[in-house]
All heavy atoms as atom14 arrays in JSON, in Angstrom:
{
  "sequence": "AFADTEFGHQRRAISHEYVPTAIFSQPEAATIGWTEAAAREQLGDSTV",
  "atom14_mask": [
    [1, 1, 1, 1, 1, 0, 0, 0, 0, 0, 0, 0, 0, 0],
    [1, 1, 1, 1, 1, 1, 1, 1, 1, 1, 1, 0, 0, 0],
    [1, 1, 1, 1, 1, 0, 0, 0, 0, 0, 0, 0, 0, 0],
    [1, 1, 1, 1, 1, 1, 1, 1, 0, 0, 0, 0, 0, 0],
    [1, 1, 1, 1, 1, 1, 1, 0, 0, 0, 0, 0, 0, 0],
    [1, 1, 1, 1, 1, 1, 1, 1, 1, 0, 0, 0, 0, 0],
    [1, 1, 1, 1, 1, 1, 1, 1, 1, 1, 1, 0, 0, 0],
    [1, 1, 1, 1, 0, 0, 0, 0, 0, 0, 0, 0, 0, 0],
    [1, 1, 1, 1, 1, 1, 1, 1, 1, 1, 0, 0, 0, 0],
    [1, 1, 1, 1, 1, 1, 1, 1, 1, 0, 0, 0, 0, 0],
    [1, 1, 1, 1, 1, 1, 1, 1, 1, 1, 1, 0, 0, 0],
    [1, 1, 1, 1, 1, 1, 1, 1, 1, 1, 1, 0, 0, 0],
    [1, 1, 1, 1, 1, 0, 0, 0, 0, 0, 0, 0, 0, 0],
    [1, 1, 1, 1, 1, 1, 1, 1, 0, 0, 0, 0, 0, 0],
    [1, 1, 1, 1, 1, 1, 0, 0, 0, 0, 0, 0, 0, 0],
    [1, 1, 1, 1, 1, 1, 1, 1, 1, 1, 0, 0, 0, 0],
    [1, 1, 1, 1, 1, 1, 1, 1, 1, 0, 0, 0, 0, 0],
    [1, 1, 1, 1, 1, 1, 1, 1, 1, 1, 1, 1, 0, 0],
    [1, 1, 1, 1, 1, 1, 1, 0, 0, 0, 0, 0, 0, 0],
    [1, 1, 1, 1, 1, 1, 1, 0, 0, 0, 0, 0, 0, 0],
    [1, 1, 1, 1, 1, 1, 1, 0, 0, 0, 0, 0, 0, 0],
    [1, 1, 1, 1, 1, 0, 0, 0, 0, 0, 0, 0, 0, 0],
    [1, 1, 1, 1, 1, 1, 1, 1, 0, 0, 0, 0, 0, 0],
    [1, 1, 1, 1, 1, 1, 1, 1, 1, 1, 1, 0, 0, 0],
    [1, 1, 1, 1, 1, 1, 0, 0, 0, 0, 0, 0, 0, 0],
    [1, 1, 1, 1, 1, 1, 1, 1, 1, 0, 0, 0, 0, 0],
    [1, 1, 1, 1, 1, 1, 1, 0, 0, 0, 0, 0, 0, 0],
    [1, 1, 1, 1, 1, 1, 1, 1, 1, 0, 0, 0, 0, 0],
    [1, 1, 1, 1, 1, 0, 0, 0, 0, 0, 0, 0, 0, 0],
    [1, 1, 1, 1, 1, 0, 0, 0, 0, 0, 0, 0, 0, 0],
    [1, 1, 1, 1, 1, 1, 1, 0, 0, 0, 0, 0, 0, 0],
    [1, 1, 1, 1, 1, 1, 1, 1, 0, 0, 0, 0, 0, 0],
    [1, 1, 1, 1, 0, 0, 0, 0, 0, 0, 0, 0, 0, 0],
    [1, 1, 1, 1, 1, 1, 1, 1, 1, 1, 1, 1, 1, 1],
    [1, 1, 1, 1, 1, 1, 1, 0, 0, 0, 0, 0, 0, 0],
    [1, 1, 1, 1, 1, 1, 1, 1, 1, 0, 0, 0, 0, 0],
    [1, 1, 1, 1, 1, 0, 0, 0, 0, 0, 0, 0, 0, 0],
    [1, 1, 1, 1, 1, 0, 0, 0, 0, 0, 0, 0, 0, 0],
    [1, 1, 1, 1, 1, 0, 0, 0, 0, 0, 0, 0, 0, 0],
    [1, 1, 1, 1, 1, 1, 1, 1, 1, 1, 1, 0, 0, 0],
    [1, 1, 1, 1, 1, 1, 1, 1, 1, 0, 0, 0, 0, 0],
    [1, 1, 1, 1, 1, 1, 1, 1, 1, 0, 0, 0, 0, 0],
    [1, 1, 1, 1, 1, 1, 1, 1, 0, 0, 0, 0, 0, 0],
    [1, 1, 1, 1, 0, 0, 0, 0, 0, 0, 0, 0, 0, 0],
    [1, 1, 1, 1, 1, 1, 1, 1, 0, 0, 0, 0, 0, 0],
    [1, 1, 1, 1, 1, 1, 0, 0, 0, 0, 0, 0, 0, 0],
    [1, 1, 1, 1, 1, 1, 1, 0, 0, 0, 0, 0, 0, 0],
    [1, 1, 1, 1, 1, 1, 1, 0, 0, 0, 0, 0, 0, 0]
  ],
  "atom14_positions": [
    [[104.36, 99.83, 83.96], [105.08, 100.05, 82.72], [104.32, 101.01, 81.81], [104.9, 101.87, 81.15], [105.33, 98.73, 81.99], [0.0, 0.0, 0.0], [0.0, 0.0, 0.0], [0.0, 0.0, 0.0], [0.0, 0.0, 0.0], [0.0, 0.0, 0.0], [0.0, 0.0, 0.0], [0.0, 0.0, 0.0], [0.0, 0.0, 0.0], [0.0, 0.0, 0.0]],
    [[102.99, 100.87, 81.77], [102.16, 101.78, 81.0], [102.35, 103.22, 81.48], [102.55, 104.16, 80.7], [100.69, 101.38, 81.1], [99.73, 102.54, 80.95], [99.45, 103.07, 79.69], [99.13, 103.12, 82.06], [98.59, 104.16, 79.56], [98.26, 104.19, 81.93], [97.99, 104.72, 80.67], [0.0, 0.0, 0.0], [0.0, 0.0, 0.0], [0.0, 0.0, 0.0]],
    [[102.26, 103.42, 82.81], [102.41, 104.78, 83.37], [103.78, 105.35, 83.11], [103.93, 106.54, 82.78], [102.09, 104.76, 84.86], [0.0, 0.0, 0.0], [0.0, 0.0, 0.0], [0.0, 0.0, 0.0], [0.0, 0.0, 0.0], [0.0, 0.0, 0.0], [0.0, 0.0, 0.0], [0.0, 0.0, 0.0], [0.0, 0.0, 0.0], [0.0, 0.0, 0.0]],
    [[104.82, 104.53, 83.26], [106.18, 104.99, 82.99], [106.33, 105.43, 81.54], [106.95, 106.44, 81.24], [107.19, 103.89, 83.3], [107.33, 103.6, 84.79], [106.92, 104.45, 85.58], [107.82, 102.52, 85.12], [0.0, 0.0, 0.0], [0.0, 0.0, 0.0], [0.0, 0.0, 0.0], [0.0, 0.0, 0.0], [0.0, 0.0, 0.0], [0.0, 0.0, 0.0]],
    [[105.74, 104.64, 80.64], [105.85, 104.92, 79.22], [105.1, 106.19, 78.81], [105.64, 107.06, 78.11], [105.33, 103.74, 78.38], [106.1, 102.58, 78.68], [105.4, 104.03, 76.91], [0.0, 0.0, 0.0], [0.0, 0.0, 0.0], [0.0, 0.0, 0.0], [0.0, 0.0, 0.0], [0.0, 0.0, 0.0], [0.0, 0.0, 0.0], [0.0, 0.0, 0.0]],
    [[103.87, 106.31, 79.27], [102.98, 107.4, 78.82], [103.13, 108.67, 79.6], [102.86, 109.77, 79.09], [101.52, 106.93, 78.85], [101.22, 105.77, 77.92], [101.5, 106.11, 76.47], [101.18, 107.26, 76.04], [102.05, 105.25, 75.76], [0.0, 0.0, 0.0], [0.0, 0.0, 0.0], [0.0, 0.0, 0.0], [0.0, 0.0, 0.0], [0.0, 0.0, 0.0]],
    [[103.57, 108.6, 80.85], [103.64, 109.8, 81.69], [105.01, 110.05, 82.3], [105.28, 111.16, 82.74], [102.59, 109.71, 82.82], [101.18, 109.66, 82.31], [100.51, 108.44, 82.19], [100.53, 110.82, 81.94], [99.22, 108.39, 81.7], [99.22, 110.78, 81.45], [98.57, 109.55, 81.34], [0.0, 0.0, 0.0], [0.0, 0.0, 0.0], [0.0, 0.0, 0.0]],
    [[105.86, 109.02, 82.34], [107.18, 109.18, 82.95], [108.31, 109.26, 81.95], [109.48, 109.29, 82.35], [0.0, 0.0, 0.0], [0.0, 0.0, 0.0], [0.0, 0.0, 0.0], [0.0, 0.0, 0.0], [0.0, 0.0, 0.0], [0.0, 0.0, 0.0], [0.0, 0.0, 0.0], [0.0, 0.0, 0.0], [0.0, 0.0, 0.0], [0.0, 0.0, 0.0]],
    [[107.98, 109.27, 80.64], [109.0, 109.36, 79.58], [110.04, 108.26, 79.69], [111.22, 108.49, 79.45], [109.66, 110.75, 79.61], [108.68, 111.87, 79.62], [107.85, 112.16, 78.55], [108.36, 112.78, 80.59], [107.09, 113.2, 78.84], [107.37, 113.59, 80.07], [0.0, 0.0, 0.0], [0.0, 0.0, 0.0], [0.0, 0.0, 0.0], [0.0, 0.0, 0.0]],
    [[109.6, 107.07, 80.11], [110.49, 105.9, 80.19], [109.82, 104.76, 79.43], [109.14, 103.92, 80.01], [110.71, 105.49, 81.66], [111.19, 106.58, 82.56], [111.12, 106.17, 84.02], [111.62, 105.09, 84.4], [110.5, 106.98, 84.87], [0.0, 0.0, 0.0], [0.0, 0.0, 0.0], [0.0, 0.0, 0.0], [0.0, 0.0, 0.0], [0.0, 0.0, 0.0]],
    [[109.96, 104.75, 78.16], [109.25, 103.77, 77.32], [109.77, 102.37, 77.61], [110.96, 102.06, 77.41], [109.46, 104.11, 75.85], [108.58, 103.27, 74.9], [108.63, 103.87, 73.49], [107.87, 103.1, 72.54], [106.55, 103.16, 72.38], [105.83, 103.95, 73.16], [105.94, 102.43, 71.46], [0.0, 0.0, 0.0], [0.0, 0.0, 0.0], [0.0, 0.0, 0.0]],
    [[108.89, 101.54, 78.1], [109.31, 100.17, 78.43], [108.13, 99.21, 78.38], [106.98, 99.59, 78.58], [109.96, 100.11, 79.81], [109.06, 100.39, 80.99], [109.83, 100.37, 82.3], [108.96, 100.51, 83.46], [108.43, 99.5, 84.13], [108.67, 98.24, 83.72], [107.67, 99.7, 85.18], [0.0, 0.0, 0.0], [0.0, 0.0, 0.0], [0.0, 0.0, 0.0]],
    [[108.43, 97.97, 78.11], [107.46, 96.88, 78.13], [107.99, 95.81, 79.06], [109.17, 95.75, 79.35], [107.25, 96.32, 76.73], [0.0, 0.0, 0.0], [0.0, 0.0, 0.0], [0.0, 0.0, 0.0], [0.0, 0.0, 0.0], [0.0, 0.0, 0.0], [0.0, 0.0, 0.0], [0.0, 0.0, 0.0], [0.0, 0.0, 0.0], [0.0, 0.0, 0.0]],
    [[107.09, 94.98, 79.54], [107.53, 93.91, 80.43], [107.57, 92.58, 79.68], [106.88, 92.39, 78.68], [106.65, 93.79, 81.69], [105.3, 93.16, 81.34], [106.49, 95.12, 82.36], [104.54, 92.66, 82.56], [0.0, 0.0, 0.0], [0.0, 0.0, 0.0], [0.0, 0.0, 0.0], [0.0, 0.0, 0.0], [0.0, 0.0, 0.0], [0.0, 0.0, 0.0]],
    [[108.4, 91.68, 80.17], [108.48, 90.35, 79.59], [107.5, 89.42, 80.31], [107.38, 89.44, 81.53], [109.9, 89.79, 79.74], [109.94, 88.42, 79.37], [0.0, 0.0, 0.0], [0.0, 0.0, 0.0], [0.0, 0.0, 0.0], [0.0, 0.0, 0.0], [0.0, 0.0, 0.0], [0.0, 0.0, 0.0], [0.0, 0.0, 0.0], [0.0, 0.0, 0.0]],
    [[106.81, 88.62, 79.52], [105.89, 87.63, 80.08], [106.49, 86.22, 80.05], [105.79, 85.24, 80.27], [104.58, 87.64, 79.31], [103.81, 88.92, 79.4], [104.08, 90.02, 78.6], [102.78, 89.3, 80.21], [103.23, 91.01, 78.91], [102.46, 90.61, 79.87], [0.0, 0.0, 0.0], [0.0, 0.0, 0.0], [0.0, 0.0, 0.0], [0.0, 0.0, 0.0]],
    [[107.82, 86.13, 79.81], [108.37, 84.81, 79.57], [108.68, 84.06, 80.86], [108.23, 82.93, 81.04], [109.65, 84.93, 78.73], [110.21, 83.57, 78.35], [111.39, 83.66, 77.4], [111.89, 84.77, 77.16], [111.79, 82.6, 76.86], [0.0, 0.0, 0.0], [0.0, 0.0, 0.0], [0.0, 0.0, 0.0], [0.0, 0.0, 0.0], [0.0, 0.0, 0.0]],
    [[109.47, 84.64, 81.74], [109.86, 83.92, 82.95], [109.17, 84.51, 84.16], [109.72, 85.3, 84.91], [111.4, 83.96, 83.11], [112.12, 83.05, 82.15], [112.72, 83.58, 81.02], [112.19, 81.67, 82.38], [113.38, 82.76, 80.11], [112.83, 80.85, 81.47], [113.43, 81.4, 80.36], [114.08, 80.57, 79.45], [0.0, 0.0, 0.0], [0.0, 0.0, 0.0]],
    [[107.91, 84.13, 84.33], [107.08, 84.62, 85.42], [106.74, 83.47, 86.34], [106.12, 82.5, 85.9], [105.8, 85.28, 84.9], [104.92, 85.75, 86.04], [106.14, 86.45, 83.96], [0.0, 0.0, 0.0], [0.0, 0.0, 0.0], [0.0, 0.0, 0.0], [0.0, 0.0, 0.0], [0.0, 0.0, 0.0], [0.0, 0.0, 0.0], [0.0, 0.0, 0.0]],
    [[107.1, 83.53, 87.6], [106.76, 82.44, 88.51], [105.3, 82.46, 88.9], [104.66, 83.54, 88.95], [107.65, 82.73, 89.75], [107.82, 84.22, 89.74], [107.86, 84.61, 88.27], [0.0, 0.0, 0.0], [0.0, 0.0, 0.0], [0.0, 0.0, 0.0], [0.0, 0.0, 0.0], [0.0, 0.0, 0.0], [0.0, 0.0, 0.0], [0.0, 0.0, 0.0]],
    [[104.75, 81.3, 89.17], [103.38, 81.22, 89.63], [103.22, 79.99, 90.5], [104.06, 79.09, 90.48], [102.39, 81.18, 88.45], [101.06, 81.3, 88.93], [102.51, 79.87, 87.67], [0.0, 0.0, 0.0], [0.0, 0.0, 0.0], [0.0, 0.0, 0.0], [0.0, 0.0, 0.0], [0.0, 0.0, 0.0], [0.0, 0.0, 0.0], [0.0, 0.0, 0.0]],
    [[102.14, 79.97, 91.28], [101.94, 78.87, 92.22], [100.49, 78.4, 92.15], [99.59, 79.15, 91.79], [102.29, 79.3, 93.64], [0.0, 0.0, 0.0], [0.0, 0.0, 0.0], [0.0, 0.0, 0.0], [0.0, 0.0, 0.0], [0.0, 0.0, 0.0], [0.0, 0.0, 0.0], [0.0, 0.0, 0.0], [0.0, 0.0, 0.0], [0.0, 0.0, 0.0]],
    [[100.29, 77.16, 92.54], [98.96, 76.6, 92.74], [98.89, 76.24, 94.22], [99.63, 75.38, 94.71], [98.73, 75.34, 91.89], [99.02, 75.62, 90.42], [97.31, 74.82, 92.05], [99.91, 74.6, 89.78], [0.0, 0.0, 0.0], [0.0, 0.0, 0.0], [0.0, 0.0, 0.0], [0.0, 0.0, 0.0], [0.0, 0.0, 0.0], [0.0, 0.0, 0.0]],
    [[97.99, 76.93, 94.95], [97.91, 76.7, 96.39], [96.98, 75.53, 96.68], [95.96, 75.65, 97.35], [97.48, 77.98, 97.08], [98.53, 79.06, 97.0], [98.36, 80.15, 96.17], [99.71, 78.93, 97.71], [99.35, 81.11, 96.05], [100.73, 79.9, 97.61], [100.54, 80.98, 96.77], [0.0, 0.0, 0.0], [0.0, 0.0, 0.0], [0.0, 0.0, 0.0]],
    [[97.4, 74.4, 96.16], [96.68, 73.13, 96.37], [97.33, 72.43, 97.55], [98.24, 72.96, 98.21], [96.82, 72.27, 95.1], [98.18, 72.21, 94.67], [0.0, 0.0, 0.0], [0.0, 0.0, 0.0], [0.0, 0.0, 0.0], [0.0, 0.0, 0.0], [0.0, 0.0, 0.0], [0.0, 0.0, 0.0], [0.0, 0.0, 0.0], [0.0, 0.0, 0.0]],
    [[96.86, 71.23, 97.85], [97.48, 70.41, 98.87], [97.7, 69.04, 98.25], [96.74, 68.26, 98.16], [96.6, 70.35, 100.11], [96.42, 71.68, 100.8], [95.43, 71.68, 101.92], [95.11, 70.63, 102.5], [94.9, 72.83, 102.27], [0.0, 0.0, 0.0], [0.0, 0.0, 0.0], [0.0, 0.0, 0.0], [0.0, 0.0, 0.0], [0.0, 0.0, 0.0]],
    [[98.92, 68.73, 97.75], [100.15, 69.47, 97.96], [100.27, 70.72, 97.08], [99.68, 70.78, 95.99], [101.23, 68.44, 97.55], [100.53, 67.57, 96.55], [99.1, 67.47, 97.01], [0.0, 0.0, 0.0], [0.0, 0.0, 0.0], [0.0, 0.0, 0.0], [0.0, 0.0, 0.0], [0.0, 0.0, 0.0], [0.0, 0.0, 0.0], [0.0, 0.0, 0.0]],
    [[101.04, 71.7, 97.58], [101.24, 72.95, 96.86], [102.2, 72.75, 95.69], [103.03, 71.84, 95.69], [101.84, 73.96, 97.86], [101.98, 75.36, 97.35], [102.37, 76.32, 98.49], [101.58, 76.49, 99.44], [103.5, 76.86, 98.43], [0.0, 0.0, 0.0], [0.0, 0.0, 0.0], [0.0, 0.0, 0.0], [0.0, 0.0, 0.0], [0.0, 0.0, 0.0]],
    [[102.03, 73.59, 94.67], [102.9, 73.49, 93.49], [103.3, 74.88, 93.06], [102.6, 75.85, 93.31], [102.19, 72.75, 92.36], [0.0, 0.0, 0.0], [0.0, 0.0, 0.0], [0.0, 0.0, 0.0], [0.0, 0.0, 0.0], [0.0, 0.0, 0.0], [0.0, 0.0, 0.0], [0.0, 0.0, 0.0], [0.0, 0.0, 0.0], [0.0, 0.0, 0.0]],
    [[104.47, 74.97, 92.41], [104.95, 76.25, 91.89], [105.85, 75.98, 90.69], [106.44, 74.91, 90.56], [105.68, 77.04, 92.95], [0.0, 0.0, 0.0], [0.0, 0.0, 0.0], [0.0, 0.0, 0.0], [0.0, 0.0, 0.0], [0.0, 0.0, 0.0], [0.0, 0.0, 0.0], [0.0, 0.0, 0.0], [0.0, 0.0, 0.0], [0.0, 0.0, 0.0]],
    [[105.92, 77.0, 89.82], [106.66, 76.79, 88.57], [107.15, 78.12, 88.01], [106.6, 79.18, 88.33], [105.72, 76.11, 87.53], [106.41, 75.93, 86.32], [104.48, 76.97, 87.28], [0.0, 0.0, 0.0], [0.0, 0.0, 0.0], [0.0, 0.0, 0.0], [0.0, 0.0, 0.0], [0.0, 0.0, 0.0], [0.0, 0.0, 0.0], [0.0, 0.0, 0.0]],
    [[108.19, 78.05, 87.19], [108.64, 79.2, 86.42], [109.24, 78.68, 85.12], [109.91, 77.63, 85.11], [109.67, 80.06, 87.18], [110.1, 81.24, 86.28], [110.86, 79.25, 87.62], [110.98, 82.27, 86.98], [0.0, 0.0, 0.0], [0.0, 0.0, 0.0], [0.0, 0.0, 0.0], [0.0, 0.0, 0.0], [0.0, 0.0, 0.0], [0.0, 0.0, 0.0]],
    [[109.0, 79.39, 84.05], [109.64, 79.08, 82.78], [108.96, 77.99, 82.0], [107.76, 77.76, 82.11], [0.0, 0.0, 0.0], [0.0, 0.0, 0.0], [0.0, 0.0, 0.0], [0.0, 0.0, 0.0], [0.0, 0.0, 0.0], [0.0, 0.0, 0.0], [0.0, 0.0, 0.0], [0.0, 0.0, 0.0], [0.0, 0.0, 0.0], [0.0, 0.0, 0.0]],
    [[109.74, 77.3, 81.21], [109.22, 76.35, 80.22], [108.85, 75.01, 80.86], [109.53, 74.53, 81.75], [110.25, 76.08, 79.13], [110.59, 77.27, 78.28], [110.39, 78.6, 78.58], [111.22, 77.24, 77.01], [110.84, 79.4, 77.58], [111.36, 78.6, 76.57], [111.66, 76.22, 76.16], [111.94, 78.95, 75.36], [112.23, 76.58, 74.93], [112.37, 77.91, 74.55]],
    [[107.78, 74.44, 80.37], [107.5, 73.04, 80.7], [108.42, 72.16, 79.87], [109.01, 72.57, 78.87], [106.04, 72.68, 80.39], [105.84, 72.75, 78.96], [105.07, 73.64, 81.09], [0.0, 0.0, 0.0], [0.0, 0.0, 0.0], [0.0, 0.0, 0.0], [0.0, 0.0, 0.0], [0.0, 0.0, 0.0], [0.0, 0.0, 0.0], [0.0, 0.0, 0.0]],
    [[108.52, 70.88, 80.26], [109.34, 69.95, 79.49], [108.78, 69.81, 78.08], [109.54, 69.8, 77.11], [109.38, 68.59, 80.19], [110.15, 67.55, 79.41], [110.23, 66.2, 80.09], [109.83, 66.09, 81.27], [110.66, 65.23, 79.43], [0.0, 0.0, 0.0], [0.0, 0.0, 0.0], [0.0, 0.0, 0.0], [0.0, 0.0, 0.0], [0.0, 0.0, 0.0]],
    [[107.44, 69.7, 77.98], [106.83, 69.5, 76.65], [107.11, 70.69, 75.74], [107.43, 70.54, 74.55], [105.32, 69.3, 76.83], [0.0, 0.0, 0.0], [0.0, 0.0, 0.0], [0.0, 0.0, 0.0], [0.0, 0.0, 0.0], [0.0, 0.0, 0.0], [0.0, 0.0, 0.0], [0.0, 0.0, 0.0], [0.0, 0.0, 0.0], [0.0, 0.0, 0.0]],
    [[106.98, 71.94, 76.29], [107.23, 73.14, 75.48], [108.68, 73.2, 75.04], [109.0, 73.57, 73.91], [106.84, 74.39, 76.26], [0.0, 0.0, 0.0], [0.0, 0.0, 0.0], [0.0, 0.0, 0.0], [0.0, 0.0, 0.0], [0.0, 0.0, 0.0], [0.0, 0.0, 0.0], [0.0, 0.0, 0.0], [0.0, 0.0, 0.0], [0.0, 0.0, 0.0]],
    [[109.6, 72.86, 75.94], [111.02, 72.89, 75.6], [111.34, 71.9, 74.5], [112.08, 72.21, 73.56], [111.84, 72.61, 76.85], [0.0, 0.0, 0.0], [0.0, 0.0, 0.0], [0.0, 0.0, 0.0], [0.0, 0.0, 0.0], [0.0, 0.0, 0.0], [0.0, 0.0, 0.0], [0.0, 0.0, 0.0], [0.0, 0.0, 0.0], [0.0, 0.0, 0.0]],
    [[110.79, 70.7, 74.59], [111.08, 69.68, 73.56], [110.47, 70.08, 72.22], [111.05, 69.83, 71.17], [110.56, 68.32, 74.03], [111.33, 67.79, 75.25], [111.0, 66.31, 75.52], [111.62, 65.85, 76.74], [112.91, 65.51, 76.85], [113.7, 65.59, 75.79], [113.41, 65.1, 77.99], [0.0, 0.0, 0.0], [0.0, 0.0, 0.0], [0.0, 0.0, 0.0]],
    [[109.31, 70.7, 72.29], [108.67, 71.13, 71.04], [109.47, 72.24, 70.36], [109.63, 72.25, 69.14], [107.25, 71.62, 71.33], [106.49, 72.07, 70.09], [105.09, 72.55, 70.41], [104.64, 72.38, 71.55], [104.44, 73.11, 69.48], [0.0, 0.0, 0.0], [0.0, 0.0, 0.0], [0.0, 0.0, 0.0], [0.0, 0.0, 0.0], [0.0, 0.0, 0.0]],
    [[109.99, 73.16, 71.15], [110.72, 74.3, 70.61], [112.16, 73.98, 70.2], [112.64, 74.45, 69.19], [110.76, 75.45, 71.63], [109.41, 76.08, 71.92], [108.87, 76.85, 70.73], [109.6, 77.52, 70.01], [107.57, 76.73, 70.49], [0.0, 0.0, 0.0], [0.0, 0.0, 0.0], [0.0, 0.0, 0.0], [0.0, 0.0, 0.0], [0.0, 0.0, 0.0]],
    [[112.81, 73.13, 71.0], [114.24, 72.9, 70.81], [114.59, 71.51, 70.28], [115.7, 71.3, 69.81], [115.0, 73.15, 72.12], [114.82, 74.55, 72.74], [115.58, 74.63, 74.05], [115.28, 75.62, 71.79], [0.0, 0.0, 0.0], [0.0, 0.0, 0.0], [0.0, 0.0, 0.0], [0.0, 0.0, 0.0], [0.0, 0.0, 0.0], [0.0, 0.0, 0.0]],
    [[113.65, 70.56, 70.46], [113.94, 69.18, 70.05], [114.4, 68.35, 71.22], [115.02, 68.83, 72.15], [0.0, 0.0, 0.0], [0.0, 0.0, 0.0], [0.0, 0.0, 0.0], [0.0, 0.0, 0.0], [0.0, 0.0, 0.0], [0.0, 0.0, 0.0], [0.0, 0.0, 0.0], [0.0, 0.0, 0.0], [0.0, 0.0, 0.0], [0.0, 0.0, 0.0]],
    [[114.12, 67.07, 71.14], [114.43, 66.14, 72.25], [115.93, 66.1, 72.56], [116.33, 65.98, 73.7], [113.94, 64.73, 71.9], [112.43, 64.62, 71.95], [111.8, 65.49, 72.57], [111.89, 63.68, 71.35], [0.0, 0.0, 0.0], [0.0, 0.0, 0.0], [0.0, 0.0, 0.0], [0.0, 0.0, 0.0], [0.0, 0.0, 0.0], [0.0, 0.0, 0.0]],
    [[116.78, 66.17, 71.55], [118.21, 66.01, 71.77], [118.83, 67.2, 72.5], [119.91, 67.07, 73.11], [118.92, 65.8, 70.44], [118.75, 66.95, 69.6], [0.0, 0.0, 0.0], [0.0, 0.0, 0.0], [0.0, 0.0, 0.0], [0.0, 0.0, 0.0], [0.0, 0.0, 0.0], [0.0, 0.0, 0.0], [0.0, 0.0, 0.0], [0.0, 0.0, 0.0]],
    [[118.16, 68.35, 72.49], [118.7, 69.56, 73.09], [118.24, 69.73, 74.53], [118.88, 70.44, 75.31], [118.29, 70.81, 72.28], [118.67, 70.59, 70.93], [118.94, 72.07, 72.81], [0.0, 0.0, 0.0], [0.0, 0.0, 0.0], [0.0, 0.0, 0.0], [0.0, 0.0, 0.0], [0.0, 0.0, 0.0], [0.0, 0.0, 0.0], [0.0, 0.0, 0.0]],
    [[117.16, 69.09, 74.91], [116.56, 69.29, 76.23], [116.96, 68.16, 77.17], [116.84, 66.98, 76.82], [115.04, 69.39, 76.13], [114.41, 69.5, 77.53], [114.63, 70.58, 75.27], [0.0, 0.0, 0.0], [0.0, 0.0, 0.0], [0.0, 0.0, 0.0], [0.0, 0.0, 0.0], [0.0, 0.0, 0.0], [0.0, 0.0, 0.0], [0.0, 0.0, 0.0]]
  ]
}
């Protein structure tokens, strides 16, 4: 995105909100988006 903006005349930024990630543990885990706690804090218990 930096190179596109500064050298490719395509000004853009990336979103860091919905990025998947994994923990290669045993058992393995993976996640994307909001945790339950974050959602309840932001939106309230009745909305989540």
